[in-house]
PDB file of N, CA and C in Angstrom:
ATOM      1  N   MET A   1      12.188  -4.731  -9.266  1.00  0.00           N
ATOM      2  CA  MET A   1      10.765  -4.769  -9.489  1.00  0.00           C
ATOM      3  C   MET A   1      10.239  -6.010 -10.286  1.00  0.00           C
ATOM      4  N   LEU A   2       9.068  -6.362 -10.036  1.00  0.00           N
ATOM      5  CA  LEU A   2       8.219  -7.240 -10.776  1.00  0.00           C
ATOM      6  C   LEU A   2       6.987  -6.608 -11.256  1.00  0.00           C
ATOM      7  N   ARG A   3       6.548  -6.759 -12.634  1.00  0.00           N
ATOM      8  CA  ARG A   3       5.413  -6.305 -13.194  1.00  0.00           C
ATOM      9  C   ARG A   3       5.005  -7.405 -14.064  1.00  0.00           C
ATOM     10  N   LEU A   4       3.384  -7.770 -13.795  1.00  0.00           N
ATOM     11  CA  LEU A   4       2.709  -8.745 -14.343  1.00  0.00           C
ATOM     12  C   LEU A   4       1.422  -8.718 -14.374  1.00  0.00           C
ATOM     13  N   SER A   5       0.847  -9.293 -15.518  1.00  0.00           N
ATOM     14  CA  SER A   5      -0.894  -9.224 -15.533  1.00  0.00           C
ATOM     15  C   SER A   5      -1.258 -10.547 -15.101  1.00  0.00           C
ATOM     16  N   VAL A   6      -2.351 -10.354 -14.503  1.00  0.00           N
ATOM     17  CA  VAL A   6      -2.980 -11.200 -13.535  1.00  0.00           C
ATOM     18  C   VAL A   6      -4.360 -11.291 -13.955  1.00  0.00           C
ATOM     19  N   ASN A   7      -5.165 -12.261 -13.537  1.00  0.00           N
ATOM     20  CA  ASN A   7      -6.691 -12.629 -13.850  1.00  0.00           C
ATOM     21  C   ASN A   7      -7.167 -12.597 -12.362  1.00  0.00           C
ATOM     22  N   LYS A   8      -8.583 -12.412 -12.432  1.00  0.00           N
ATOM     23  CA  LYS A   8      -9.262 -12.146 -11.348  1.00  0.00           C
ATOM     24  C   LYS A   8      -9.350 -13.448 -10.456  1.00  0.00           C
ATOM     25  N   ASN A   9      -8.883 -13.027  -9.128  1.00  0.00           N
ATOM     26  CA  ASN A   9      -8.912 -14.281  -8.235  1.00  0.00           C
ATOM     27  C   ASN A   9      -7.461 -14.999  -8.171  1.00  0.00           C
ATOM     28  N   GLU A  10      -6.586 -14.458  -8.983  1.00  0.00           N
ATOM     29  CA  GLU A  10      -5.061 -14.990  -8.838  1.00  0.00           C
ATOM     30  C   GLU A  10      -4.500 -14.073  -7.602  1.00  0.00           C
ATOM     31  N   TYR A  11      -3.477 -14.826  -6.966  1.00  0.00           N
ATOM     32  CA  TYR A  11      -2.877 -14.205  -5.994  1.00  0.00           C
ATOM     33  C   TYR A  11      -1.353 -14.342  -5.973  1.00  0.00           C
ATOM     34  N   LEU A  12      -0.630 -13.456  -5.185  1.00  0.00           N
ATOM     35  CA  LEU A  12       0.770 -13.415  -5.057  1.00  0.00           C
ATOM     36  C   LEU A  12       0.962 -13.676  -3.333  1.00  0.00           C
ATOM     37  N   MET A  13       2.186 -14.394  -3.278  1.00  0.00           N
ATOM     38  CA  MET A  13       2.408 -14.613  -1.900  1.00  0.00           C
ATOM     39  C   MET A  13       3.641 -13.754  -1.573  1.00  0.00           C
ATOM     40  N   VAL A  14       3.986 -12.947  -0.878  1.00  0.00           N
ATOM     41  CA  VAL A  14       4.782 -12.254  -0.444  1.00  0.00           C
ATOM     42  C   VAL A  14       5.437 -12.886   0.874  1.00  0.00           C
ATOM     43  N   GLY A  15       6.765 -13.380   0.924  1.00  0.00           N
ATOM     44  CA  GLY A  15       7.077 -14.318   1.949  1.00  0.00           C
ATOM     45  C   GLY A  15       6.120 -15.466   2.376  1.00  0.00           C
ATOM     46  N   GLN A  16       6.020 -16.092   3.279  1.00  0.00           N
ATOM     47  CA  GLN A  16       5.330 -17.058   3.624  1.00  0.00           C
ATOM     48  C   GLN A  16       3.698 -16.546   4.352  1.00  0.00           C
ATOM     49  N   ASP A  17       3.748 -15.419   4.913  1.00  0.00           N
ATOM     50  CA  ASP A  17       2.738 -14.612   5.512  1.00  0.00           C
ATOM     51  C   ASP A  17       1.683 -13.644   4.849  1.00  0.00           C
ATOM     52  N   VAL A  18       2.158 -13.361   3.652  1.00  0.00           N
ATOM     53  CA  VAL A  18       1.479 -12.220   3.174  1.00  0.00           C
ATOM     54  C   VAL A  18       0.821 -12.604   1.717  1.00  0.00           C
ATOM     55  N   ARG A  19      -0.562 -12.499   1.746  1.00  0.00           N
ATOM     56  CA  ARG A  19      -1.227 -12.943   0.293  1.00  0.00           C
ATOM     57  C   ARG A  19      -1.768 -11.796  -0.268  1.00  0.00           C
ATOM     58  N   ILE A  20      -1.621 -11.610  -1.405  1.00  0.00           N
ATOM     59  CA  ILE A  20      -2.597 -10.552  -1.931  1.00  0.00           C
ATOM     60  C   ILE A  20      -3.248 -10.943  -3.452  1.00  0.00           C
ATOM     61  N   THR A  21      -4.229 -10.773  -3.164  1.00  0.00           N
ATOM     62  CA  THR A  21      -5.394 -11.549  -3.947  1.00  0.00           C
ATOM     63  C   THR A  21      -6.040 -10.402  -4.833  1.00  0.00           C
ATOM     64  N   PHE A  22      -6.176 -10.451  -6.281  1.00  0.00           N
ATOM     65  CA  PHE A  22      -6.699  -9.577  -7.259  1.00  0.00           C
ATOM     66  C   PHE A  22      -8.051 -10.078  -7.431  1.00  0.00           C
ATOM     67  N   LEU A  23      -8.964  -8.917  -7.045  1.00  0.00           N
ATOM     68  CA  LEU A  23     -10.387  -9.199  -7.208  1.00  0.00           C
ATOM     69  C   LEU A  23     -11.042  -8.754  -8.139  1.00  0.00           C
ATOM     70  N   GLY A  24     -10.247  -7.778  -9.253  1.00  0.00           N
ATOM     71  CA  GLY A  24     -10.567  -7.596 -10.260  1.00  0.00           C
ATOM     72  C   GLY A  24     -10.569  -5.801 -10.377  1.00  0.00           C
ATOM     73  N   GLY A  25     -11.599  -5.334 -11.219  1.00  0.00           N
ATOM     74  CA  GLY A  25     -11.106  -3.982 -11.478  1.00  0.00           C
ATOM     75  C   GLY A  25     -11.680  -3.286 -12.941  1.00  0.00           C
ATOM     76  N   ASN A  26     -11.327  -2.218 -13.165  1.00  0.00           N
ATOM     77  CA  ASN A  26     -11.686  -1.834 -14.476  1.00  0.00           C
ATOM     78  C   ASN A  26     -10.363  -0.809 -15.093  1.00  0.00           C
ATOM     79  N   GLU A  27     -10.761   0.015 -16.044  1.00  0.00           N
ATOM     80  CA  GLU A  27      -9.693   0.730 -16.626  1.00  0.00           C
ATOM     81  C   GLU A  27      -8.785   1.815 -15.755  1.00  0.00           C
ATOM     82  N   ASN A  28      -9.654   2.137 -14.847  1.00  0.00           N
ATOM     83  CA  ASN A  28      -9.096   3.157 -13.695  1.00  0.00           C
ATOM     84  C   ASN A  28      -8.685   2.674 -12.683  1.00  0.00           C
ATOM     85  N   THR A  29      -9.170   1.499 -12.066  1.00  0.00           N
ATOM     86  CA  THR A  29      -8.685   0.858 -10.447  1.00  0.00           C
ATOM     87  C   THR A  29      -8.749  -0.305 -10.438  1.00  0.00           C
ATOM     88  N   LEU A  30      -7.961  -1.080  -9.573  1.00  0.00           N
ATOM     89  CA  LEU A  30      -7.664  -2.430  -9.396  1.00  0.00           C
ATOM     90  C   LEU A  30      -8.154  -2.764  -7.899  1.00  0.00           C
ATOM     91  N   LYS A  31      -8.980  -3.798  -7.608  1.00  0.00           N
ATOM     92  CA  LYS A  31      -9.284  -4.039  -6.429  1.00  0.00           C
ATOM     93  C   LYS A  31      -8.338  -5.101  -5.930  1.00  0.00           C
ATOM     94  N   LEU A  32      -7.669  -5.027  -4.634  1.00  0.00           N
ATOM     95  CA  LEU A  32      -6.888  -6.025  -4.037  1.00  0.00           C
ATOM     96  C   LEU A  32      -7.308  -6.175  -2.524  1.00  0.00           C
ATOM     97  N   MET A  33      -7.048  -7.433  -2.339  1.00  0.00           N
ATOM     98  CA  MET A  33      -7.190  -8.093  -0.959  1.00  0.00           C
ATOM     99  C   MET A  33      -5.742  -8.336  -0.277  1.00  0.00           C
ATOM    100  N   VAL A  34      -5.435  -7.540   0.578  1.00  0.00           N
ATOM    101  CA  VAL A  34      -4.421  -8.107   1.385  1.00  0.00           C
ATOM    102  C   VAL A  34      -4.438  -8.898   2.683  1.00  0.00           C
ATOM    103  N   ASP A  35      -3.980 -10.105   2.636  1.00  0.00           N
ATOM    104  CA  ASP A  35      -4.203 -10.950   4.068  1.00  0.00           C
ATOM    105  C   ASP A  35      -2.667 -11.075   4.337  1.00  0.00           C
ATOM    106  N   ALA A  36      -2.862 -10.356   5.581  1.00  0.00           N
ATOM    107  CA  ALA A  36      -1.561 -10.406   6.622  1.00  0.00           C
ATOM    108  C   ALA A  36      -1.475 -10.299   7.661  1.00  0.00           C
ATOM    109  N   PRO A  37      -0.243 -11.001   8.836  1.00  0.00           N
ATOM    110  CA  PRO A  37      -0.763 -10.677   9.861  1.00  0.00           C
ATOM    111  C   PRO A  37      -0.682  -9.497  10.652  1.00  0.00           C
ATOM    112  N   ARG A  38      -1.182  -9.134  11.680  1.00  0.00           N
ATOM    113  CA  ARG A  38      -1.232  -8.133  12.457  1.00  0.00           C
ATOM    114  C   ARG A  38      -0.063  -7.388  12.483  1.00  0.00           C
ATOM    115  N   GLU A  39       0.856  -8.092  12.906  1.00  0.00           N
ATOM    116  CA  GLU A  39       2.162  -7.675  13.123  1.00  0.00           C
ATOM    117  C   GLU A  39       2.889  -6.782  11.992  1.00  0.00           C
ATOM    118  N   ILE A  40       2.078  -6.887  10.734  1.00  0.00           N
ATOM    119  CA  ILE A  40       2.933  -6.504   9.390  1.00  0.00           C
ATOM    120  C   ILE A  40       1.776  -5.053   9.090  1.00  0.00           C
ATOM    121  N   ASN A  41       2.583  -4.034   9.124  1.00  0.00           N
ATOM    122  CA  ASN A  41       2.097  -2.670   8.715  1.00  0.00           C
ATOM    123  C   ASN A  41       1.829  -2.863   7.321  1.00  0.00           C
ATOM    124  N   VAL A  42       0.516  -2.477   6.553  1.00  0.00           N
ATOM    125  CA  VAL A  42       0.180  -2.492   5.508  1.00  0.00           C
ATOM    126  C   VAL A  42      -0.306  -1.099   5.347  1.00  0.00           C
ATOM    127  N   ALA A  43       0.089  -0.329   4.583  1.00  0.00           N
ATOM    128  CA  ALA A  43      -0.404   1.083   4.492  1.00  0.00           C
ATOM    129  C   ALA A  43      -0.474   1.622   2.712  1.00  0.00           C
ATOM    130  N   ARG A  44      -1.566   2.320   2.311  1.00  0.00           N
ATOM    131  CA  ARG A  44      -1.280   3.274   0.955  1.00  0.00           C
ATOM    132  C   ARG A  44      -0.240   4.042   1.147  1.00  0.00           C
ATOM    133  N   GLY A  45       0.133   4.198  -0.378  1.00  0.00           N
ATOM    134  CA  GLY A  45       1.438   5.095  -0.719  1.00  0.00           C
ATOM    135  C   GLY A  45       0.932   6.420  -0.300  1.00  0.00           C
ATOM    136  N   LYS A  46      -0.380   6.842  -0.704  1.00  0.00           N
ATOM    137  CA  LYS A  46      -0.970   8.287  -0.382  1.00  0.00           C
ATOM    138  C   LYS A  46      -0.724   8.171   0.964  1.00  0.00           C
ATOM    139  N   ALA A  47      -1.409   7.572   1.705  1.00  0.00           N
ATOM    140  CA  ALA A  47      -1.484   7.730   3.399  1.00  0.00           C
ATOM    141  C   ALA A  47       0.177   7.828   3.765  1.00  0.00           C
ATOM    142  N   ILE A  48       1.230   7.187   3.518  1.00  0.00           N
ATOM    143  CA  ILE A  48       2.497   7.389   3.853  1.00  0.00           C
ATOM    144  C   ILE A  48       3.040   8.596   3.670  1.00  0.00           C
ATOM    145  N   GLU A  49       2.751   9.212   2.060  1.00  0.00           N
ATOM    146  CA  GLU A  49       3.288  10.537   1.870  1.00  0.00           C
ATOM    147  C   GLU A  49       2.461  11.656   2.385  1.00  0.00           C
ATOM    148  N   LYS A  50       1.367  11.222   2.970  1.00  0.00           N
ATOM    149  CA  LYS A  50       0.418  12.280   3.583  1.00  0.00           C
ATOM    150  C   LYS A  50       1.055  12.564   4.699  1.00  0.00           C
ATOM    151  N   ARG A  51       1.378  11.457   5.704  1.00  0.00           N
ATOM    152  CA  ARG A  51       2.063  11.491   7.104  1.00  0.00           C
ATOM    153  C   ARG A  51       3.374  12.217   6.987  1.00  0.00           C
ATOM    154  N   ALA A  52       4.067  12.029   5.802  1.00  0.00           N
ATOM    155  CA  ALA A  52       5.349  12.463   5.677  1.00  0.00           C
ATOM    156  C   ALA A  52       5.561  14.036   5.146  1.00  0.00           C
ATOM    157  N   SER A  53       4.509  14.297   4.479  1.00  0.00           N
ATOM    158  CA  SER A  53       4.247  15.823   4.364  1.00  0.00           C
ATOM    159  C   SER A  53       4.086  16.798   5.666  1.00  0.00           C
ATOM    160  N   ALA A  54       3.100  16.048   6.302  1.00  0.00           N
ATOM    161  CA  ALA A  54       2.386  16.622   7.387  1.00  0.00           C
ATOM    162  C   ALA A  54       3.815  16.733   8.642  1.00  0.00           C
ATOM    163  N   LYS A  55       4.518  15.794   8.589  1.00  0.00           N
ATOM    164  CA  LYS A  55       5.502  15.684   9.802  1.00  0.00           C
ATOM    165  C   LYS A  55       6.723  16.816   9.132  1.00  0.00           C
ATOM    166  N   GLN A  56       6.738  17.014   7.881  1.00  0.00           N
ATOM    167  CA  GLN A  56       7.761  17.737   7.341  1.00  0.00           C
ATOM    168  C   GLN A  56       7.420  19.169   7.669  1.00  0.00           C
ATOM    169  N   HIS A  57       6.084  19.563   7.547  1.00  0.00           N
ATOM    170  CA  HIS A  57       5.311  20.822   7.549  1.00  0.00           C
ATOM    171  C   HIS A  57       5.608  21.111   9.159  1.00  0.00           C
ATOM    172  N   VAL A  58       4.993  20.187  10.112  1.00  0.00           N
ATOM    173  CA  VAL A  58       5.265  20.372  11.515  1.00  0.00           C
ATOM    174  C   VAL A  58       6.592  20.967  11.932  1.00  0.00           C
ATOM    175  N   GLU A  59       7.703  20.218  11.212  1.00  0.00           N
ATOM    176  CA  GLU A  59       9.303  20.416  11.572  1.00  0.00           C
ATOM    177  C   GLU A  59       9.598  21.823  10.978  1.00  0.00           C
ATOM    178  N   GLU A  60       8.902  22.157   9.951  1.00  0.00           N
ATOM    179  CA  GLU A  60       9.139  23.576   9.318  1.00  0.00           C
ATOM    180  C   GLU A  60       8.872  24.652  10.412  1.00  0.00           C
ATOM    181  N   GLU A  61       7.548  24.463  10.781  1.00  0.00           N
ATOM    182  CA  GLU A  61       6.952  25.233  11.422  1.00  0.00           C
ATOM    183  C   GLU A  61       7.727  25.575  13.051  1.00  0.00           C
ATOM    184  N   LYS A  62       8.344  24.328  13.345  1.00  0.00           N
ATOM    185  CA  LYS A  62       9.162  24.222  14.534  1.00  0.00           C
ATOM    186  C   LYS A  62      10.273  25.310  14.314  1.00  0.00           C
ATOM    187  N   CYS A  63      10.980  25.137  13.092  1.00  0.00           N
ATOM    188  CA  CYS A  63      12.319  26.048  12.784  1.00  0.00           C
ATOM    189  C   CYS A  63      11.966  27.472  12.660  1.00  0.00           C
ATOM    190  N   LEU A  64      10.509  27.636  12.119  1.00  0.00           N
ATOM    191  CA  LEU A  64      10.252  29.396  12.001  1.00  0.00           C
ATOM    192  C   LEU A  64       9.941  29.939  13.341  1.00  0.00           C
ATOM    193  N   ALA A  65       9.701  28.887  14.296  1.00  0.00           N
ATOM    194  CA  ALA A  65       9.446  29.330  15.586  1.00  0.00           C
ATOM    195  C   ALA A  65      10.342  30.101  16.613  1.00  0.00           C
TER     196      ALA A  65
END
């Protein structure tokens, strides 16, 4: 795991194709820009967790039926 402090408009490269730029923020939020090829799936953690929870709920309903 990598933990670092960055300044506005600094960026990280993930591999050769993904660039994450830090646009700024405040005490509660951080604004990022992710530049990645269309073939790479970029998703928020909340969205992934919500989909997993919904899928689990559907599977539980199937077991009860």
